[in-house]
């Protein structure tokens, strides 16, 4: 897998999310159900390895949100007990649109890139050499905070998502770990 994909993944996935159950443990069975596409359904072309979004961009839901504010989230991204350097970390508002992306990401499924209008509300940064990050200028509200990087044991891309609630001017310290 290309090295830049795990770093780009959080920003693309989180352009809007909702609290999701933890990812299944290896002992749980995951059942995949194929569904036939009805002839009347529109089939969109998406990038290889990605699935089309089922939730349309909710313009009215986003219009009610602020794009910036005075809150700050700082913390550290850890995978397998090791800090992840140079990884992307994003905070996206919790919406029906972002909830779908978060759910799929936690299940290991990559969705098509977010609508550019949703990305206007997403705040992103990169971790430093010790896995530390800092996101500034966040408005008050609920956010999906996500980070991604290679698992130190397997080298496979892993995504960590945590839902946080910010108030105006709040400074929050968060450890994103898996």
N, C-alpha and C. Protein backbone atom coordinates (compact mmCIF):
# COMPACT_ATOMS: atom_id res chain seq x y z
N UNK A 1 0.85 -1.18 0.00
CA UNK A 1 0.00 0.00 0.00
C UNK A 1 0.89 1.23 0.00
N UNK A 2 0.49 2.24 -0.71
CA UNK A 2 1.26 3.48 -0.77
C UNK A 2 1.35 4.09 0.63
N UNK A 3 2.51 4.65 0.96
CA UNK A 3 2.75 5.21 2.29
C UNK A 3 1.88 6.43 2.57
N UNK A 4 1.46 7.20 1.56
CA UNK A 4 0.71 8.43 1.77
C UNK A 4 -0.76 8.17 2.02
N UNK A 5 -1.26 6.98 1.68
CA UNK A 5 -2.68 6.70 1.85
C UNK A 5 -3.09 6.74 3.32
N UNK A 6 -2.36 6.10 4.26
CA UNK A 6 -2.79 6.18 5.66
C UNK A 6 -2.80 7.60 6.20
N UNK A 7 -1.96 8.47 5.66
CA UNK A 7 -1.92 9.84 6.16
C UNK A 7 -3.06 10.67 5.60
N UNK A 8 -3.54 10.36 4.42
CA UNK A 8 -4.62 11.11 3.78
C UNK A 8 -5.99 10.61 4.24
N UNK A 9 -6.06 9.35 4.66
CA UNK A 9 -7.32 8.71 4.99
C UNK A 9 -8.18 9.45 6.01
N UNK A 10 -7.66 9.92 7.15
CA UNK A 10 -8.55 10.55 8.14
C UNK A 10 -9.30 11.76 7.61
N UNK A 11 -8.61 12.63 6.89
CA UNK A 11 -9.27 13.83 6.37
C UNK A 11 -10.38 13.49 5.40
N UNK A 12 -10.15 12.50 4.56
CA UNK A 12 -11.16 12.12 3.58
C UNK A 12 -12.33 11.40 4.22
N UNK A 13 -12.05 10.62 5.23
CA UNK A 13 -13.11 9.84 5.86
C UNK A 13 -14.00 10.66 6.77
N UNK A 14 -13.44 11.65 7.40
CA UNK A 14 -14.16 12.30 8.46
C UNK A 14 -14.84 13.60 8.11
N UNK A 15 -15.03 13.90 6.92
CA UNK A 15 -15.71 15.14 6.59
C UNK A 15 -17.17 14.99 7.04
N UNK A 16 -17.43 14.65 8.32
CA UNK A 16 -18.71 14.55 9.00
C UNK A 16 -18.93 13.15 9.59
N UNK A 17 -19.19 12.86 11.01
CA UNK A 17 -19.32 11.50 11.62
C UNK A 17 -20.29 11.38 12.82
N UNK A 18 -20.54 10.15 13.51
CA UNK A 18 -21.41 9.87 14.66
C UNK A 18 -20.83 8.70 15.44
N UNK A 19 -21.10 8.59 16.75
CA UNK A 19 -20.43 7.57 17.57
C UNK A 19 -20.71 6.17 17.04
N UNK A 20 -19.68 5.39 16.97
CA UNK A 20 -19.78 4.07 16.40
C UNK A 20 -19.27 3.06 17.42
N UNK A 21 -19.77 1.81 17.34
CA UNK A 21 -19.24 0.79 18.23
C UNK A 21 -17.79 0.49 17.86
N UNK A 22 -17.03 -0.07 18.79
CA UNK A 22 -15.64 -0.39 18.47
C UNK A 22 -15.56 -1.41 17.34
N UNK A 23 -14.44 -1.43 16.68
CA UNK A 23 -14.24 -2.36 15.57
C UNK A 23 -14.33 -3.79 16.11
N UNK A 24 -14.81 -4.71 15.29
CA UNK A 24 -14.94 -6.09 15.76
C UNK A 24 -13.57 -6.68 16.09
N UNK A 25 -13.57 -7.54 17.10
CA UNK A 25 -12.34 -8.24 17.45
C UNK A 25 -12.17 -9.39 16.47
N UNK A 26 -10.94 -9.88 16.33
CA UNK A 26 -10.70 -10.95 15.35
C UNK A 26 -11.55 -12.19 15.57
N UNK A 27 -12.08 -12.42 16.79
CA UNK A 27 -12.88 -13.61 17.04
C UNK A 27 -14.33 -13.42 16.62
N UNK A 28 -14.76 -12.20 16.33
CA UNK A 28 -16.13 -11.98 15.90
C UNK A 28 -16.26 -12.28 14.43
N UNK A 29 -17.44 -12.76 14.04
CA UNK A 29 -17.69 -13.06 12.64
C UNK A 29 -18.34 -11.86 11.98
N UNK A 30 -17.82 -11.49 10.83
CA UNK A 30 -18.39 -10.40 10.05
C UNK A 30 -19.05 -11.00 8.83
N UNK A 31 -20.32 -10.73 8.65
CA UNK A 31 -21.03 -11.27 7.51
C UNK A 31 -21.23 -10.17 6.47
N UNK A 32 -20.87 -10.46 5.24
CA UNK A 32 -21.02 -9.51 4.15
C UNK A 32 -22.19 -9.97 3.30
N UNK A 33 -23.12 -9.06 3.06
CA UNK A 33 -24.28 -9.39 2.25
C UNK A 33 -24.19 -8.61 0.95
N UNK A 34 -24.16 -9.34 -0.17
CA UNK A 34 -24.16 -8.68 -1.47
C UNK A 34 -25.59 -8.28 -1.82
N UNK A 35 -25.69 -7.13 -2.48
CA UNK A 35 -27.00 -6.63 -2.86
C UNK A 35 -26.94 -6.34 -4.35
N UNK A 36 -27.95 -6.78 -5.07
CA UNK A 36 -28.00 -6.50 -6.50
C UNK A 36 -28.45 -5.06 -6.70
N UNK A 37 -27.89 -4.42 -7.70
CA UNK A 37 -28.25 -3.05 -8.02
C UNK A 37 -29.46 -3.08 -8.94
N UNK A 38 -30.51 -2.38 -8.53
CA UNK A 38 -31.70 -2.29 -9.37
C UNK A 38 -31.35 -1.49 -10.61
N UNK A 39 -31.92 -1.81 -11.76
CA UNK A 39 -31.62 -1.07 -12.98
C UNK A 39 -31.88 0.43 -12.87
N UNK A 40 -32.85 0.84 -12.07
CA UNK A 40 -33.19 2.26 -11.96
C UNK A 40 -32.21 3.03 -11.08
N UNK A 41 -31.38 2.31 -10.27
CA UNK A 41 -30.45 2.98 -9.38
C UNK A 41 -29.28 3.58 -10.16
N UNK A 42 -28.83 4.75 -9.71
CA UNK A 42 -27.67 5.38 -10.33
C UNK A 42 -26.41 4.71 -9.78
N UNK A 43 -25.51 4.33 -10.65
CA UNK A 43 -24.25 3.73 -10.24
C UNK A 43 -23.15 4.73 -10.54
N UNK A 44 -22.45 5.20 -9.50
CA UNK A 44 -21.38 6.18 -9.67
C UNK A 44 -20.04 5.48 -9.76
N UNK A 45 -19.17 6.04 -10.56
CA UNK A 45 -17.80 5.55 -10.64
C UNK A 45 -17.04 6.10 -9.44
N UNK A 46 -16.35 5.25 -8.73
CA UNK A 46 -15.51 5.69 -7.61
C UNK A 46 -14.12 5.11 -7.80
N UNK A 47 -13.18 5.67 -7.08
CA UNK A 47 -11.79 5.21 -7.19
C UNK A 47 -11.70 3.74 -6.81
N UNK A 48 -10.79 3.00 -7.44
CA UNK A 48 -10.61 1.59 -7.10
C UNK A 48 -10.33 1.41 -5.61
N UNK A 49 -10.92 0.40 -5.00
CA UNK A 49 -10.71 0.13 -3.58
C UNK A 49 -11.60 0.95 -2.67
N UNK A 50 -12.51 1.74 -3.22
CA UNK A 50 -13.41 2.57 -2.42
C UNK A 50 -14.85 2.24 -2.78
N UNK A 51 -15.76 2.54 -1.84
CA UNK A 51 -17.18 2.34 -2.10
C UNK A 51 -17.87 3.70 -2.17
N UNK A 52 -18.96 3.74 -2.91
CA UNK A 52 -19.73 4.98 -3.03
C UNK A 52 -20.44 5.27 -1.71
N UNK A 53 -20.59 6.54 -1.41
CA UNK A 53 -21.35 6.95 -0.23
C UNK A 53 -22.83 6.71 -0.48
N UNK A 54 -23.52 6.29 0.57
CA UNK A 54 -24.96 6.09 0.48
C UNK A 54 -25.73 7.31 0.97
N UNK A 55 -25.08 8.11 1.83
CA UNK A 55 -25.70 9.31 2.39
C UNK A 55 -25.30 10.50 1.53
N UNK A 56 -26.29 11.21 1.02
CA UNK A 56 -26.00 12.41 0.21
C UNK A 56 -25.55 13.53 1.14
N UNK A 57 -24.76 14.47 0.59
CA UNK A 57 -24.29 15.59 1.38
C UNK A 57 -25.49 16.39 1.90
N UNK A 58 -25.62 16.53 3.25
CA UNK A 58 -26.76 17.26 3.84
C UNK A 58 -26.44 18.76 3.97
N UNK A 59 -26.68 19.51 2.92
CA UNK A 59 -26.32 20.94 2.89
C UNK A 59 -26.93 21.71 4.06
N UNK A 60 -28.19 21.44 4.38
CA UNK A 60 -28.85 22.17 5.48
C UNK A 60 -28.20 21.86 6.83
N UNK A 61 -27.81 20.63 7.04
CA UNK A 61 -27.17 20.23 8.30
C UNK A 61 -25.83 20.96 8.46
N UNK A 62 -25.06 21.05 7.39
CA UNK A 62 -23.78 21.73 7.45
C UNK A 62 -23.95 23.24 7.56
N UNK A 63 -24.98 23.78 6.93
CA UNK A 63 -25.20 25.23 6.98
C UNK A 63 -25.42 25.72 8.40
N UNK A 64 -25.89 24.85 9.28
CA UNK A 64 -26.13 25.22 10.68
C UNK A 64 -24.86 25.18 11.52
N UNK A 65 -23.76 24.70 10.96
CA UNK A 65 -22.50 24.56 11.70
C UNK A 65 -21.58 25.76 11.46
N UNK A 66 -20.73 26.04 12.44
CA UNK A 66 -19.69 27.05 12.26
C UNK A 66 -18.45 26.37 11.69
N UNK A 67 -17.69 27.10 10.89
CA UNK A 67 -16.48 26.54 10.29
C UNK A 67 -15.25 26.73 11.17
N UNK A 68 -15.25 27.74 12.03
CA UNK A 68 -14.08 27.98 12.88
C UNK A 68 -14.51 28.52 14.23
N UNK A 69 -13.57 28.50 15.16
CA UNK A 69 -13.84 28.96 16.51
C UNK A 69 -12.55 29.10 17.30
N UNK A 70 -12.66 28.98 18.61
CA UNK A 70 -11.50 29.21 19.48
C UNK A 70 -11.06 27.98 20.28
N UNK A 71 -11.65 26.82 20.00
CA UNK A 71 -11.29 25.61 20.74
C UNK A 71 -10.03 24.97 20.14
N UNK A 72 -9.34 24.17 20.97
CA UNK A 72 -8.08 23.52 20.58
C UNK A 72 -8.12 22.07 21.05
N UNK A 73 -7.70 21.17 20.17
CA UNK A 73 -7.48 19.77 20.56
C UNK A 73 -6.02 19.46 20.30
N UNK A 74 -5.34 18.94 21.33
CA UNK A 74 -3.97 18.49 21.16
C UNK A 74 -3.88 17.09 21.74
N UNK A 75 -2.86 16.37 21.35
CA UNK A 75 -2.73 15.02 21.87
C UNK A 75 -1.67 14.24 21.15
N UNK A 76 -1.83 12.91 21.19
CA UNK A 76 -0.84 12.01 20.63
C UNK A 76 -1.55 10.86 19.93
N UNK A 77 -1.03 10.45 18.78
CA UNK A 77 -1.54 9.31 18.04
C UNK A 77 -0.63 8.12 18.29
N UNK A 78 -1.21 7.04 18.81
CA UNK A 78 -0.45 5.83 19.15
C UNK A 78 -1.12 4.62 18.50
N UNK A 79 -0.32 3.76 17.89
CA UNK A 79 -0.81 2.50 17.34
C UNK A 79 0.07 1.38 17.87
N UNK A 80 -0.55 0.39 18.47
CA UNK A 80 0.21 -0.72 19.03
C UNK A 80 1.19 -0.28 20.10
N UNK A 81 0.85 0.79 20.82
CA UNK A 81 1.71 1.30 21.89
C UNK A 81 2.86 2.16 21.40
N UNK A 82 2.93 2.39 20.09
CA UNK A 82 4.02 3.19 19.51
C UNK A 82 3.48 4.49 18.94
N UNK A 83 4.20 5.61 19.13
CA UNK A 83 3.75 6.88 18.53
C UNK A 83 3.86 6.79 17.01
N UNK A 84 2.93 7.49 16.32
CA UNK A 84 2.91 7.49 14.87
C UNK A 84 3.35 8.87 14.39
N UNK A 85 4.52 8.93 13.78
CA UNK A 85 5.08 10.19 13.29
C UNK A 85 4.62 10.48 11.87
N UNK A 86 4.36 11.75 11.59
CA UNK A 86 4.01 12.18 10.23
C UNK A 86 2.65 11.73 9.74
N UNK A 87 1.77 11.37 10.65
CA UNK A 87 0.44 10.88 10.27
C UNK A 87 -0.57 12.01 10.22
N UNK A 88 -1.59 11.85 9.42
CA UNK A 88 -2.66 12.83 9.35
C UNK A 88 -3.64 12.65 10.50
N UNK A 89 -4.07 13.76 11.09
CA UNK A 89 -5.09 13.77 12.14
C UNK A 89 -6.12 14.81 11.74
N UNK A 90 -7.40 14.45 11.84
CA UNK A 90 -8.47 15.35 11.43
C UNK A 90 -9.59 15.40 12.46
N UNK A 91 -10.26 16.55 12.51
CA UNK A 91 -11.47 16.72 13.32
C UNK A 91 -12.57 17.17 12.37
N UNK A 92 -13.62 16.37 12.27
CA UNK A 92 -14.75 16.68 11.40
C UNK A 92 -16.01 16.71 12.24
N UNK A 93 -16.92 17.63 11.95
CA UNK A 93 -18.15 17.70 12.75
C UNK A 93 -18.97 16.43 12.62
N UNK A 94 -19.65 16.08 13.69
CA UNK A 94 -20.52 14.91 13.69
C UNK A 94 -21.79 15.27 12.92
N UNK A 95 -22.00 14.58 11.81
CA UNK A 95 -23.19 14.76 10.98
C UNK A 95 -23.62 13.38 10.47
N UNK A 96 -24.77 13.31 9.84
CA UNK A 96 -25.19 12.04 9.24
C UNK A 96 -24.22 11.62 8.15
N UNK A 97 -23.66 12.58 7.45
CA UNK A 97 -22.72 12.32 6.36
C UNK A 97 -21.41 11.74 6.90
N UNK A 98 -20.87 12.35 7.94
CA UNK A 98 -19.61 11.87 8.51
C UNK A 98 -19.79 10.58 9.29
N UNK A 99 -20.99 10.34 9.81
CA UNK A 99 -21.25 9.10 10.54
C UNK A 99 -21.09 7.89 9.63
N UNK A 100 -21.57 8.03 8.40
CA UNK A 100 -21.41 6.94 7.44
C UNK A 100 -19.93 6.65 7.19
N UNK A 101 -19.14 7.71 6.98
CA UNK A 101 -17.71 7.54 6.72
C UNK A 101 -17.01 6.90 7.91
N UNK A 102 -17.34 7.33 9.12
CA UNK A 102 -16.71 6.77 10.32
C UNK A 102 -17.06 5.30 10.49
N UNK A 103 -18.32 4.96 10.28
CA UNK A 103 -18.75 3.57 10.40
C UNK A 103 -17.98 2.68 9.42
N UNK A 104 -17.88 3.12 8.20
CA UNK A 104 -17.17 2.34 7.18
C UNK A 104 -15.67 2.25 7.52
N UNK A 105 -15.08 3.36 7.96
CA UNK A 105 -13.65 3.37 8.29
C UNK A 105 -13.34 2.38 9.41
N UNK A 106 -14.19 2.35 10.43
CA UNK A 106 -13.97 1.42 11.54
C UNK A 106 -14.13 -0.03 11.11
N UNK A 107 -14.89 -0.26 10.03
CA UNK A 107 -15.06 -1.60 9.50
C UNK A 107 -13.99 -1.94 8.47
N UNK A 108 -13.05 -1.00 8.24
CA UNK A 108 -11.97 -1.24 7.30
C UNK A 108 -12.34 -1.00 5.85
N UNK A 109 -13.41 -0.25 5.62
CA UNK A 109 -13.88 0.03 4.27
C UNK A 109 -13.62 1.50 3.95
N UNK A 110 -12.98 1.77 2.83
CA UNK A 110 -12.71 3.15 2.41
C UNK A 110 -13.86 3.63 1.53
N UNK A 111 -14.42 4.80 1.85
CA UNK A 111 -15.47 5.39 1.03
C UNK A 111 -14.86 6.40 0.08
N UNK A 112 -15.64 6.79 -0.91
CA UNK A 112 -15.17 7.80 -1.85
C UNK A 112 -14.86 9.09 -1.10
N UNK A 113 -14.00 9.94 -1.64
CA UNK A 113 -13.65 11.20 -0.96
C UNK A 113 -14.90 12.04 -0.65
N UNK A 114 -14.78 12.79 0.43
CA UNK A 114 -15.90 13.63 0.88
C UNK A 114 -16.18 14.75 -0.10
N UNK A 115 -17.41 15.19 -0.08
CA UNK A 115 -17.83 16.35 -0.86
C UNK A 115 -16.98 17.55 -0.44
N UNK A 116 -16.50 18.37 -1.38
CA UNK A 116 -15.67 19.53 -1.02
C UNK A 116 -16.34 20.46 -0.01
N UNK A 117 -17.66 20.53 -0.03
CA UNK A 117 -18.36 21.38 0.95
C UNK A 117 -18.18 20.85 2.36
N UNK A 118 -18.12 19.55 2.54
CA UNK A 118 -17.90 18.97 3.87
C UNK A 118 -16.47 19.20 4.32
N UNK A 119 -15.53 19.14 3.39
CA UNK A 119 -14.11 19.34 3.75
C UNK A 119 -13.85 20.75 4.27
N UNK A 120 -14.71 21.70 3.92
CA UNK A 120 -14.55 23.07 4.43
C UNK A 120 -14.72 23.13 5.96
N UNK A 121 -15.37 22.13 6.55
CA UNK A 121 -15.63 22.10 7.98
C UNK A 121 -14.64 21.19 8.73
N UNK A 122 -13.75 20.54 7.99
CA UNK A 122 -12.80 19.59 8.57
C UNK A 122 -11.47 20.28 8.83
N UNK A 123 -10.94 20.09 10.03
CA UNK A 123 -9.65 20.67 10.43
C UNK A 123 -8.63 19.54 10.46
N UNK A 124 -7.48 19.74 9.81
CA UNK A 124 -6.48 18.67 9.70
C UNK A 124 -5.08 19.18 10.04
N UNK A 125 -4.26 18.24 10.48
CA UNK A 125 -2.85 18.51 10.77
C UNK A 125 -2.07 17.21 10.63
N UNK A 126 -0.78 17.25 10.94
CA UNK A 126 0.09 16.07 10.92
C UNK A 126 0.75 15.93 12.29
N UNK A 127 1.07 14.71 12.64
CA UNK A 127 1.77 14.46 13.89
C UNK A 127 3.25 14.79 13.72
N UNK A 128 3.89 15.14 14.84
CA UNK A 128 5.34 15.39 14.81
C UNK A 128 6.07 14.06 14.98
N UNK A 129 7.37 14.11 15.19
CA UNK A 129 8.19 12.91 15.32
C UNK A 129 7.83 12.02 16.50
N UNK A 130 7.15 12.57 17.51
CA UNK A 130 6.75 11.76 18.66
C UNK A 130 5.25 11.48 18.67
N UNK A 131 4.59 11.68 17.52
CA UNK A 131 3.17 11.36 17.41
C UNK A 131 2.24 12.43 17.95
N UNK A 132 2.78 13.59 18.35
CA UNK A 132 1.96 14.66 18.92
C UNK A 132 1.32 15.50 17.82
N UNK A 133 0.12 16.01 18.10
CA UNK A 133 -0.59 16.85 17.15
C UNK A 133 -1.30 17.97 17.89
N UNK A 134 -1.72 19.01 17.13
CA UNK A 134 -2.45 20.15 17.69
C UNK A 134 -3.35 20.71 16.60
N UNK A 135 -4.65 20.75 16.88
CA UNK A 135 -5.65 21.33 15.98
C UNK A 135 -6.21 22.58 16.65
N UNK A 136 -6.12 23.71 15.98
CA UNK A 136 -6.60 24.98 16.54
C UNK A 136 -7.72 25.54 15.68
N UNK A 137 -8.42 26.53 16.23
CA UNK A 137 -9.48 27.22 15.49
C UNK A 137 -10.75 26.42 15.32
N UNK A 138 -10.99 25.48 16.23
CA UNK A 138 -12.18 24.64 16.14
C UNK A 138 -13.40 25.33 16.75
N UNK A 139 -14.56 25.21 16.13
CA UNK A 139 -15.78 25.76 16.73
C UNK A 139 -16.29 24.81 17.83
N UNK A 140 -17.22 25.26 18.62
CA UNK A 140 -17.86 24.41 19.62
C UNK A 140 -18.70 23.37 18.89
N UNK A 141 -18.83 22.18 19.49
CA UNK A 141 -19.66 21.13 18.90
C UNK A 141 -19.05 19.76 19.04
N UNK A 142 -19.74 18.78 18.46
CA UNK A 142 -19.29 17.40 18.49
C UNK A 142 -18.46 17.12 17.24
N UNK A 143 -17.33 16.41 17.43
CA UNK A 143 -16.42 16.11 16.34
C UNK A 143 -15.99 14.66 16.37
N UNK A 144 -15.69 14.14 15.18
CA UNK A 144 -14.97 12.88 15.06
C UNK A 144 -13.50 13.28 14.92
N UNK A 145 -12.70 12.83 15.85
CA UNK A 145 -11.26 13.04 15.81
C UNK A 145 -10.67 11.74 15.29
N UNK A 146 -9.90 11.82 14.21
CA UNK A 146 -9.37 10.59 13.63
C UNK A 146 -7.90 10.74 13.26
N UNK A 147 -7.23 9.62 13.30
CA UNK A 147 -5.84 9.55 12.89
C UNK A 147 -5.62 8.20 12.23
N UNK A 148 -4.62 8.12 11.38
CA UNK A 148 -4.34 6.85 10.71
C UNK A 148 -2.85 6.71 10.49
N UNK A 149 -2.42 5.47 10.47
CA UNK A 149 -1.02 5.18 10.23
C UNK A 149 -0.81 3.69 10.16
N UNK A 150 0.42 3.28 9.88
CA UNK A 150 0.70 1.84 9.79
C UNK A 150 0.80 1.20 11.17
N UNK A 151 0.21 0.03 11.31
CA UNK A 151 0.31 -0.74 12.54
C UNK A 151 1.76 -1.20 12.65
N UNK A 152 2.44 -0.94 13.80
CA UNK A 152 3.86 -1.31 13.91
C UNK A 152 4.11 -2.81 13.84
N UNK A 153 3.11 -3.62 14.16
CA UNK A 153 3.30 -5.07 14.12
C UNK A 153 3.11 -5.64 12.72
N UNK A 154 2.11 -5.11 11.98
CA UNK A 154 1.77 -5.70 10.68
C UNK A 154 2.09 -4.81 9.49
N UNK A 155 2.24 -3.51 9.73
CA UNK A 155 2.47 -2.58 8.64
C UNK A 155 1.19 -2.16 7.92
N UNK A 156 0.06 -2.78 8.28
CA UNK A 156 -1.22 -2.45 7.65
C UNK A 156 -1.73 -1.11 8.17
N UNK A 157 -2.44 -0.39 7.30
CA UNK A 157 -3.03 0.89 7.69
C UNK A 157 -4.11 0.67 8.73
N UNK A 158 -4.08 1.47 9.78
CA UNK A 158 -5.08 1.42 10.85
C UNK A 158 -5.65 2.81 11.05
N UNK A 159 -6.94 2.86 11.35
CA UNK A 159 -7.64 4.12 11.60
C UNK A 159 -8.11 4.12 13.05
N UNK A 160 -7.95 5.26 13.72
CA UNK A 160 -8.45 5.44 15.07
C UNK A 160 -9.43 6.61 15.02
N UNK A 161 -10.63 6.40 15.54
CA UNK A 161 -11.64 7.46 15.56
C UNK A 161 -12.19 7.57 16.97
N UNK A 162 -12.30 8.79 17.43
CA UNK A 162 -12.87 9.06 18.75
C UNK A 162 -13.79 10.26 18.64
N UNK A 163 -14.97 10.18 19.24
CA UNK A 163 -15.90 11.31 19.21
C UNK A 163 -15.63 12.17 20.44
N UNK A 164 -15.54 13.49 20.21
CA UNK A 164 -15.30 14.44 21.30
C UNK A 164 -16.31 15.58 21.22
N UNK A 165 -16.56 16.22 22.34
CA UNK A 165 -17.47 17.36 22.43
C UNK A 165 -16.67 18.56 22.92
N UNK A 166 -16.70 19.64 22.16
CA UNK A 166 -15.95 20.85 22.51
C UNK A 166 -16.90 21.99 22.84
N UNK A 167 -16.50 22.80 23.80
CA UNK A 167 -17.22 24.04 24.08
C UNK A 167 -16.36 25.19 23.58
N UNK A 168 -16.94 26.35 23.46
CA UNK A 168 -16.24 27.53 22.95
C UNK A 168 -14.99 27.81 23.79
N UNK A 169 -13.83 27.93 23.14
CA UNK A 169 -12.58 28.25 23.81
C UNK A 169 -11.93 27.11 24.58
N UNK A 170 -12.53 25.93 24.58
CA UNK A 170 -11.99 24.80 25.34
C UNK A 170 -10.67 24.31 24.76
N UNK A 171 -9.78 23.86 25.65
CA UNK A 171 -8.53 23.23 25.24
C UNK A 171 -8.58 21.79 25.76
N UNK A 172 -8.56 20.85 24.84
CA UNK A 172 -8.73 19.42 25.19
C UNK A 172 -7.47 18.66 24.81
N UNK A 173 -7.05 17.74 25.70
CA UNK A 173 -5.92 16.85 25.46
C UNK A 173 -6.51 15.45 25.21
N UNK A 174 -6.12 14.81 24.10
CA UNK A 174 -6.70 13.54 23.71
C UNK A 174 -5.59 12.58 23.27
N UNK A 175 -5.67 11.33 23.72
CA UNK A 175 -4.79 10.30 23.18
C UNK A 175 -5.60 9.45 22.23
N UNK A 176 -5.20 9.46 20.97
CA UNK A 176 -5.82 8.59 19.97
C UNK A 176 -4.98 7.32 19.92
N UNK A 177 -5.54 6.22 20.37
CA UNK A 177 -4.74 4.99 20.40
C UNK A 177 -5.59 3.79 20.05
N UNK A 178 -4.88 2.78 19.57
CA UNK A 178 -5.52 1.53 19.20
C UNK A 178 -4.51 0.43 19.40
